Amino acid sequence: MKRTLASLGAAALLAAGAVALTPASASAADGCWGNAGPKKGPNGATYTTRYCHNYQASDIGVGDTRTGHLYAGDNWFVCQQKFANENPPVGSARNNWWLWTQGDKAYANGGWGWFPATKVSGGGNYQPIPGLPAC
C-alpha cells in the first residue's frame, strides 16, 4: 500500500513538474498532511497517521537495533519525538527529531522504528516536521 501511494504521489509530482529531492528544495509550507488512516502498532495499539514526504530512503530503528527500512516517497508516520542522539546529516540538514513509522522492509519489531527527520521535507534544522504531532 505504501509503495502504491508513493508511486502515485511521485507520478503526480512529476506531472506537475516539481520533485523535492533535497532539503534545500523544501519550503516552509512542506511538512505532513492528510489522514493516512489507522495503523495497528507492534504493541497492538491503533495509531492515527499522517502522510509526510521522505526524499531519501533510510533504515529505521529502536535504540541500537535496526528494525526496518523505509523507501523514499510519500509515506505515513505516527508522530515525532526529540532525542539527544542526532540524525544522520544530509547536506547542511541537522536534526535530533525522529519520526515513528513502520518500514517497507521489516528486520525486527514488525518493522516499527524511528526515522530521521533530516530525510523528511519541510523541517528546519533542529525543528520538528510541521503537521506531525509530537509523541
N, C-alpha and C. Protein backbone atom coordinates (compact mmCIF):
# COMPACT_ATOMS: atom_id res chain seq x y z
N MET A 1 0.82 -1.19 0.00
CA MET A 1 0.00 0.00 0.00
C MET A 1 0.87 1.25 0.00
N LYS A 2 1.90 1.28 0.88
CA LYS A 2 2.78 2.45 0.93
C LYS A 2 3.46 2.66 -0.42
N ARG A 3 3.93 1.56 -1.04
CA ARG A 3 4.63 1.68 -2.32
C ARG A 3 3.68 2.21 -3.38
N THR A 4 2.40 1.78 -3.39
CA THR A 4 1.43 2.26 -4.36
C THR A 4 1.20 3.74 -4.17
N LEU A 5 1.00 4.17 -2.91
CA LEU A 5 0.80 5.59 -2.63
C LEU A 5 2.03 6.40 -3.02
N ALA A 6 3.21 5.87 -2.72
CA ALA A 6 4.44 6.58 -3.08
C ALA A 6 4.55 6.71 -4.59
N SER A 7 4.19 5.66 -5.33
CA SER A 7 4.25 5.72 -6.79
C SER A 7 3.26 6.72 -7.34
N LEU A 8 2.04 6.72 -6.79
CA LEU A 8 1.04 7.69 -7.23
C LEU A 8 1.47 9.11 -6.92
N GLY A 9 2.02 9.30 -5.73
CA GLY A 9 2.49 10.64 -5.35
C GLY A 9 3.63 11.09 -6.24
N ALA A 10 4.57 10.20 -6.56
CA ALA A 10 5.69 10.55 -7.42
C ALA A 10 5.20 10.88 -8.83
N ALA A 11 4.23 10.13 -9.33
CA ALA A 11 3.70 10.40 -10.66
C ALA A 11 3.02 11.76 -10.70
N ALA A 12 2.28 12.09 -9.65
CA ALA A 12 1.61 13.39 -9.60
C ALA A 12 2.62 14.52 -9.55
N LEU A 13 3.68 14.35 -8.77
CA LEU A 13 4.71 15.38 -8.69
C LEU A 13 5.44 15.55 -10.03
N LEU A 14 5.74 14.43 -10.68
CA LEU A 14 6.41 14.52 -11.97
C LEU A 14 5.52 15.21 -13.00
N ALA A 15 4.23 14.91 -12.97
CA ALA A 15 3.29 15.54 -13.90
C ALA A 15 3.22 17.03 -13.66
N ALA A 16 3.34 17.44 -12.41
CA ALA A 16 3.30 18.86 -12.09
C ALA A 16 4.64 19.53 -12.35
N GLY A 17 5.68 18.74 -12.56
CA GLY A 17 6.99 19.29 -12.88
C GLY A 17 7.79 19.73 -11.67
N ALA A 18 7.43 19.26 -10.48
CA ALA A 18 8.17 19.64 -9.27
C ALA A 18 8.44 18.41 -8.44
N VAL A 19 9.70 18.12 -8.22
CA VAL A 19 10.08 16.98 -7.40
C VAL A 19 11.02 17.47 -6.31
N ALA A 20 10.67 17.22 -5.05
CA ALA A 20 11.53 17.61 -3.93
C ALA A 20 12.57 16.52 -3.72
N LEU A 21 13.83 16.84 -3.96
CA LEU A 21 14.88 15.84 -3.83
C LEU A 21 15.82 16.10 -2.67
N THR A 22 15.95 17.34 -2.26
CA THR A 22 16.90 17.66 -1.20
C THR A 22 16.27 18.60 -0.20
N PRO A 23 16.84 18.72 1.00
CA PRO A 23 16.28 19.66 1.97
C PRO A 23 16.26 21.08 1.45
N ALA A 24 17.19 21.45 0.59
CA ALA A 24 17.23 22.81 0.06
C ALA A 24 16.00 23.13 -0.78
N SER A 25 15.35 22.11 -1.37
CA SER A 25 14.19 22.37 -2.21
C SER A 25 12.90 22.40 -1.40
N ALA A 26 12.95 22.05 -0.12
CA ALA A 26 11.76 22.05 0.71
C ALA A 26 11.46 23.46 1.18
N SER A 27 10.19 23.81 1.24
CA SER A 27 9.79 25.14 1.71
C SER A 27 9.11 25.01 3.05
N ALA A 28 8.87 26.14 3.69
CA ALA A 28 8.20 26.13 4.99
C ALA A 28 6.79 25.57 4.89
N ALA A 29 6.20 25.62 3.70
CA ALA A 29 4.84 25.10 3.51
C ALA A 29 4.82 23.57 3.47
N ASP A 30 5.98 22.94 3.27
CA ASP A 30 6.05 21.48 3.25
C ASP A 30 5.87 20.95 4.66
N GLY A 31 5.69 19.69 4.74
CA GLY A 31 5.52 19.03 6.02
C GLY A 31 4.55 17.88 5.83
N CYS A 32 3.87 17.52 6.88
CA CYS A 32 2.96 16.38 6.81
C CYS A 32 1.53 16.86 6.58
N TRP A 33 0.71 15.98 6.03
CA TRP A 33 -0.64 16.37 5.66
C TRP A 33 -1.56 15.16 5.70
N GLY A 34 -2.85 15.44 5.64
CA GLY A 34 -3.87 14.41 5.44
C GLY A 34 -3.97 13.38 6.55
N ASN A 35 -4.88 12.46 6.32
CA ASN A 35 -5.11 11.36 7.24
C ASN A 35 -4.78 10.08 6.49
N ALA A 36 -3.74 9.39 6.91
CA ALA A 36 -3.33 8.16 6.25
C ALA A 36 -4.06 6.94 6.81
N GLY A 37 -4.99 7.18 7.72
CA GLY A 37 -5.78 6.09 8.27
C GLY A 37 -5.15 5.46 9.49
N PRO A 38 -5.91 4.63 10.17
CA PRO A 38 -5.38 3.98 11.38
C PRO A 38 -4.43 2.84 11.02
N LYS A 39 -3.40 2.68 11.84
CA LYS A 39 -2.43 1.60 11.68
C LYS A 39 -2.25 0.91 13.02
N LYS A 40 -2.22 -0.41 13.02
CA LYS A 40 -2.02 -1.17 14.25
C LYS A 40 -0.53 -1.31 14.51
N GLY A 41 -0.09 -0.85 15.68
CA GLY A 41 1.32 -0.86 16.04
C GLY A 41 1.78 -2.19 16.61
N PRO A 42 3.07 -2.27 16.91
CA PRO A 42 3.65 -3.52 17.40
C PRO A 42 3.13 -3.93 18.77
N ASN A 43 2.61 -2.97 19.53
CA ASN A 43 2.08 -3.25 20.87
C ASN A 43 0.58 -3.52 20.84
N GLY A 44 -0.02 -3.56 19.62
CA GLY A 44 -1.44 -3.78 19.47
C GLY A 44 -2.27 -2.51 19.47
N ALA A 45 -1.67 -1.38 19.82
CA ALA A 45 -2.39 -0.11 19.82
C ALA A 45 -2.67 0.33 18.38
N THR A 46 -3.75 1.07 18.20
CA THR A 46 -4.06 1.62 16.88
C THR A 46 -3.64 3.09 16.87
N TYR A 47 -2.88 3.46 15.85
CA TYR A 47 -2.35 4.81 15.73
C TYR A 47 -3.02 5.57 14.59
N THR A 48 -3.24 6.86 14.79
CA THR A 48 -3.65 7.76 13.71
C THR A 48 -2.38 8.17 12.99
N THR A 49 -2.42 8.24 11.67
CA THR A 49 -1.22 8.53 10.89
C THR A 49 -1.46 9.67 9.92
N ARG A 50 -0.36 10.31 9.51
CA ARG A 50 -0.38 11.39 8.52
C ARG A 50 0.70 11.11 7.48
N TYR A 51 0.49 11.62 6.28
CA TYR A 51 1.49 11.47 5.22
C TYR A 51 2.57 12.52 5.36
N CYS A 52 3.80 12.13 5.08
CA CYS A 52 4.95 13.03 5.01
C CYS A 52 5.79 12.57 3.83
N HIS A 53 6.53 13.49 3.22
CA HIS A 53 7.39 13.11 2.10
C HIS A 53 8.81 12.94 2.60
N ASN A 54 9.31 11.71 2.51
CA ASN A 54 10.73 11.49 2.80
C ASN A 54 11.44 11.33 1.46
N TYR A 55 12.38 12.22 1.20
CA TYR A 55 13.05 12.28 -0.10
C TYR A 55 14.23 11.33 -0.20
N GLN A 56 14.57 10.68 0.90
CA GLN A 56 15.61 9.65 0.88
C GLN A 56 15.13 8.45 1.68
N ALA A 57 15.49 7.27 1.21
CA ALA A 57 15.23 6.05 1.97
C ALA A 57 16.18 6.01 3.16
N SER A 58 15.82 5.22 4.16
CA SER A 58 16.69 5.09 5.33
C SER A 58 16.30 3.87 6.13
N ASP A 59 17.28 3.33 6.85
CA ASP A 59 16.96 2.34 7.86
C ASP A 59 16.26 3.05 9.01
N ILE A 60 15.42 2.30 9.71
CA ILE A 60 14.77 2.82 10.91
C ILE A 60 15.13 1.88 12.04
N GLY A 61 14.97 2.36 13.27
CA GLY A 61 15.35 1.51 14.37
C GLY A 61 14.84 1.97 15.71
N VAL A 62 15.14 1.15 16.70
CA VAL A 62 14.83 1.44 18.10
C VAL A 62 16.12 1.22 18.87
N GLY A 63 16.62 2.28 19.49
CA GLY A 63 17.90 2.19 20.18
C GLY A 63 19.00 1.84 19.19
N ASP A 64 19.78 0.82 19.49
CA ASP A 64 20.85 0.39 18.60
C ASP A 64 20.42 -0.72 17.65
N THR A 65 19.12 -1.05 17.63
CA THR A 65 18.62 -2.14 16.80
C THR A 65 18.00 -1.61 15.52
N ARG A 66 18.49 -2.07 14.40
CA ARG A 66 17.90 -1.73 13.10
C ARG A 66 16.66 -2.61 12.95
N THR A 67 15.47 -1.97 12.85
CA THR A 67 14.22 -2.72 12.82
C THR A 67 13.59 -2.81 11.44
N GLY A 68 14.01 -1.92 10.53
CA GLY A 68 13.41 -1.95 9.19
C GLY A 68 14.06 -0.95 8.26
N HIS A 69 13.48 -0.84 7.08
CA HIS A 69 13.96 0.09 6.06
C HIS A 69 12.74 0.71 5.39
N LEU A 70 12.76 2.02 5.21
CA LEU A 70 11.66 2.76 4.58
C LEU A 70 12.15 3.35 3.27
N TYR A 71 11.43 3.06 2.20
CA TYR A 71 11.76 3.61 0.89
C TYR A 71 11.39 5.10 0.83
N ALA A 72 12.00 5.82 -0.09
CA ALA A 72 11.67 7.23 -0.31
C ALA A 72 10.28 7.34 -0.91
N GLY A 73 9.62 8.47 -0.64
CA GLY A 73 8.31 8.74 -1.22
C GLY A 73 7.38 9.36 -0.19
N ASP A 74 6.11 9.36 -0.50
CA ASP A 74 5.08 9.83 0.43
C ASP A 74 4.68 8.64 1.29
N ASN A 75 5.04 8.70 2.55
CA ASN A 75 4.80 7.60 3.47
C ASN A 75 4.05 8.10 4.69
N TRP A 76 3.46 7.19 5.44
CA TRP A 76 2.74 7.59 6.65
C TRP A 76 3.66 7.50 7.86
N PHE A 77 3.39 8.41 8.79
CA PHE A 77 4.11 8.47 10.05
C PHE A 77 3.11 8.71 11.17
N VAL A 78 3.42 8.25 12.36
CA VAL A 78 2.52 8.36 13.51
C VAL A 78 2.74 9.66 14.26
N CYS A 79 3.99 9.91 14.65
CA CYS A 79 4.31 11.06 15.48
C CYS A 79 5.82 11.28 15.43
N GLN A 80 6.29 12.29 16.15
CA GLN A 80 7.73 12.58 16.18
C GLN A 80 8.15 12.91 17.61
N GLN A 81 9.41 12.65 17.87
CA GLN A 81 9.95 12.90 19.21
C GLN A 81 11.39 13.39 19.09
N LYS A 82 11.74 14.29 19.98
CA LYS A 82 13.11 14.82 20.05
C LYS A 82 13.92 13.94 20.99
N PHE A 83 15.10 13.52 20.52
CA PHE A 83 16.01 12.72 21.32
C PHE A 83 17.37 13.41 21.39
N ALA A 84 18.20 12.96 22.31
CA ALA A 84 19.55 13.52 22.42
C ALA A 84 20.42 13.13 21.23
N ASN A 85 20.20 11.93 20.67
CA ASN A 85 21.05 11.49 19.56
C ASN A 85 20.63 12.17 18.25
N GLU A 86 21.64 12.50 17.46
CA GLU A 86 21.46 13.22 16.20
C GLU A 86 21.04 12.30 15.07
N ASN A 87 20.30 12.85 14.12
CA ASN A 87 20.02 12.16 12.85
C ASN A 87 21.29 12.10 12.03
N PRO A 88 21.38 11.18 11.09
CA PRO A 88 22.48 11.25 10.13
C PRO A 88 22.37 12.57 9.35
N PRO A 89 23.46 13.33 9.21
CA PRO A 89 23.37 14.59 8.46
C PRO A 89 23.10 14.34 6.98
N VAL A 90 22.35 15.25 6.38
CA VAL A 90 22.09 15.23 4.93
C VAL A 90 22.42 16.63 4.42
N GLY A 91 23.54 16.76 3.71
CA GLY A 91 23.98 18.09 3.29
C GLY A 91 24.16 18.96 4.52
N SER A 92 23.49 20.12 4.55
CA SER A 92 23.58 21.00 5.71
C SER A 92 22.45 20.75 6.71
N ALA A 93 21.59 19.79 6.44
CA ALA A 93 20.47 19.48 7.35
C ALA A 93 20.98 18.74 8.58
N ARG A 94 20.56 19.24 9.75
CA ARG A 94 20.90 18.63 11.03
C ARG A 94 19.63 18.60 11.87
N ASN A 95 19.45 17.52 12.63
CA ASN A 95 18.25 17.43 13.46
C ASN A 95 18.42 16.37 14.52
N ASN A 96 17.61 16.47 15.56
CA ASN A 96 17.54 15.44 16.58
C ASN A 96 16.07 15.05 16.85
N TRP A 97 15.19 15.33 15.87
CA TRP A 97 13.81 14.85 15.90
C TRP A 97 13.75 13.58 15.07
N TRP A 98 12.96 12.61 15.55
CA TRP A 98 12.81 11.31 14.90
C TRP A 98 11.33 11.02 14.74
N LEU A 99 10.94 10.41 13.63
CA LEU A 99 9.54 10.13 13.31
C LEU A 99 9.26 8.63 13.44
N TRP A 100 8.17 8.29 14.11
CA TRP A 100 7.78 6.90 14.36
C TRP A 100 6.96 6.37 13.19
N THR A 101 7.36 5.24 12.62
CA THR A 101 6.67 4.64 11.48
C THR A 101 6.99 3.16 11.39
N GLN A 102 6.45 2.54 10.36
CA GLN A 102 6.75 1.15 10.05
C GLN A 102 7.43 1.10 8.70
N GLY A 103 8.52 0.38 8.61
CA GLY A 103 9.28 0.31 7.37
C GLY A 103 8.61 -0.55 6.31
N ASP A 104 9.06 -0.37 5.08
CA ASP A 104 8.61 -1.21 3.96
C ASP A 104 9.22 -2.60 4.07
N LYS A 105 10.41 -2.67 4.67
CA LYS A 105 11.06 -3.95 4.97
C LYS A 105 11.17 -4.04 6.49
N ALA A 106 10.88 -5.21 7.03
CA ALA A 106 10.97 -5.41 8.47
C ALA A 106 12.10 -6.36 8.80
N TYR A 107 12.92 -5.98 9.79
CA TYR A 107 14.00 -6.83 10.28
C TYR A 107 13.74 -7.28 11.72
N ALA A 108 13.02 -6.46 12.48
CA ALA A 108 12.67 -6.75 13.88
C ALA A 108 11.52 -5.83 14.26
N ASN A 109 10.83 -6.13 15.36
CA ASN A 109 9.76 -5.27 15.89
C ASN A 109 8.67 -5.01 14.86
N GLY A 110 8.45 -5.93 13.94
CA GLY A 110 7.44 -5.74 12.89
C GLY A 110 7.79 -4.62 11.93
N GLY A 111 9.06 -4.17 11.94
CA GLY A 111 9.49 -3.09 11.07
C GLY A 111 9.26 -1.71 11.66
N TRP A 112 8.71 -1.62 12.87
CA TRP A 112 8.44 -0.33 13.51
C TRP A 112 9.72 0.26 14.09
N GLY A 113 9.88 1.58 13.92
CA GLY A 113 11.04 2.24 14.47
C GLY A 113 11.05 3.73 14.17
N TRP A 114 12.16 4.34 14.47
CA TRP A 114 12.35 5.80 14.33
C TRP A 114 13.07 6.12 13.03
N PHE A 115 12.53 7.09 12.30
CA PHE A 115 13.07 7.54 11.01
C PHE A 115 13.64 8.95 11.21
N PRO A 116 14.80 9.26 10.62
CA PRO A 116 15.44 10.57 10.84
C PRO A 116 14.72 11.73 10.13
N ALA A 117 14.49 12.81 10.87
CA ALA A 117 13.82 14.00 10.32
C ALA A 117 14.65 14.68 9.22
N THR A 118 15.95 14.47 9.18
CA THR A 118 16.78 15.09 8.15
C THR A 118 16.43 14.59 6.76
N LYS A 119 15.67 13.52 6.66
CA LYS A 119 15.32 12.95 5.35
C LYS A 119 13.85 13.18 4.99
N VAL A 120 13.21 14.11 5.73
CA VAL A 120 11.79 14.43 5.51
C VAL A 120 11.66 15.89 5.09
N SER A 121 10.87 16.14 4.06
CA SER A 121 10.66 17.50 3.57
C SER A 121 9.91 18.35 4.59
N GLY A 122 10.31 19.61 4.67
CA GLY A 122 9.55 20.59 5.43
C GLY A 122 10.12 21.01 6.76
N GLY A 123 11.07 20.32 7.30
CA GLY A 123 11.60 20.70 8.60
C GLY A 123 12.80 21.63 8.49
N GLY A 124 13.05 22.34 9.57
CA GLY A 124 14.24 23.16 9.68
C GLY A 124 15.24 22.48 10.60
N ASN A 125 16.46 22.96 10.61
CA ASN A 125 17.47 22.37 11.49
C ASN A 125 17.01 22.44 12.94
N TYR A 126 17.05 21.29 13.60
CA TYR A 126 16.67 21.13 15.00
C TYR A 126 15.25 21.60 15.28
N GLN A 127 14.37 21.41 14.30
CA GLN A 127 12.95 21.74 14.43
C GLN A 127 12.12 20.51 14.10
N PRO A 128 10.91 20.42 14.69
CA PRO A 128 10.03 19.31 14.31
C PRO A 128 9.51 19.50 12.90
N ILE A 129 9.02 18.41 12.30
CA ILE A 129 8.41 18.47 10.98
C ILE A 129 7.01 19.04 11.13
N PRO A 130 6.67 20.11 10.41
CA PRO A 130 5.33 20.69 10.54
C PRO A 130 4.23 19.69 10.15
N GLY A 131 3.15 19.73 10.89
CA GLY A 131 1.98 18.90 10.56
C GLY A 131 1.97 17.52 11.17
N LEU A 132 3.03 17.14 11.90
CA LEU A 132 3.06 15.81 12.53
C LEU A 132 3.10 16.02 14.04
N PRO A 133 2.16 15.41 14.78
CA PRO A 133 2.14 15.64 16.23
C PRO A 133 3.35 15.03 16.94
N ALA A 134 3.62 15.58 18.11
CA ALA A 134 4.65 15.00 18.99
C ALA A 134 4.09 13.73 19.60
N CYS A 135 4.98 12.79 19.90
CA CYS A 135 4.56 11.52 20.52
C CYS A 135 4.26 11.73 21.99
